[in-house]
Amino acid sequence: MKVLRMRSKLFHVARKSKMLIMFYAVRYLSSWLKAQGYDNSLKTLRAVDADNKAIPWYTYPLIEYLRQFDFKGCRVFEFGCGHSTLFWASRCAEVIAVEHNPEWYEHMRARLPGNVTLLLRQNAEEYAAAIKEMGGEFDIVVIDGEWRLMCAKESFDLLSSSGLMLVDNSDWFVDTSQYLRTHGLFQIDFNGPGPINQYAWTSSLFMHAPTRIQQAFSDPLPLTGIVQKVNENG
């Protein structure tokens, strides 16, 4: 009887401890998301921070990482235009972006500062090849729009030797990521939540850093993410 009472007490303490841990975990996560501006993004359905300033629709871990760097003097090309364009324009010397949707093109064109050139290309081949129209190399290439594998192939040779290539939703677009890895770029994943969405995903950086370690690479699958693979060759 004494043993049963002891077990019951231990069970009660353990359950109470788990509930306390859960309480603090939820409170911490809620506080962290609020500091990132997640509440604002849900209210406005736009990628904004806690001050309602535009941020990229990438995962929060990648956004935090990018904020550490000084991008002054950098030249950026974006496949896909949006709040990320405003983010890069406020930090870089020049941003060139290509958009496939005429309505969104007009919407964004009215909001962009003078250091941004926005192109409209509705055809897949012209969209992917738009990066070659401007001439020269780019310090940062962002692949976050349509026809991502095609864009990766067209832009690979135009990434500077010291530059970064960014692929959003890399857990879905695994063919694009594989293409960049097999051509010598090293993949660094940033898994987690981000603006608007109610699930985790992966935003990845690629750089010139070939290594044998990556030969056994596994495609990212973030916790609480959506298991989905996009057919990029169809």
Foldseek 3Di string as FASTA:
>chain_A
DVVVVVVVVVVVVVVVVVVVVVVVVVVVVVVVCLQQVQVVCQVVVAFAGNVRQQADQAFPQVSVVVVVDQAEAFEEEEEDDDSNQVVVVVRYQAYEYEDQDPVVQVVVVVVDDPRYHYHYDNDPQCSLQVVPVVDAAGQEYEQEYPLRLSNLVNRVVRHDQNHKYKYGQCLAAVVSVVVLVVVQWDKDWDWDHGHPDPFIGIMIMTHRDGDPVCVPPDRDDHVRHDNHYDDSPD
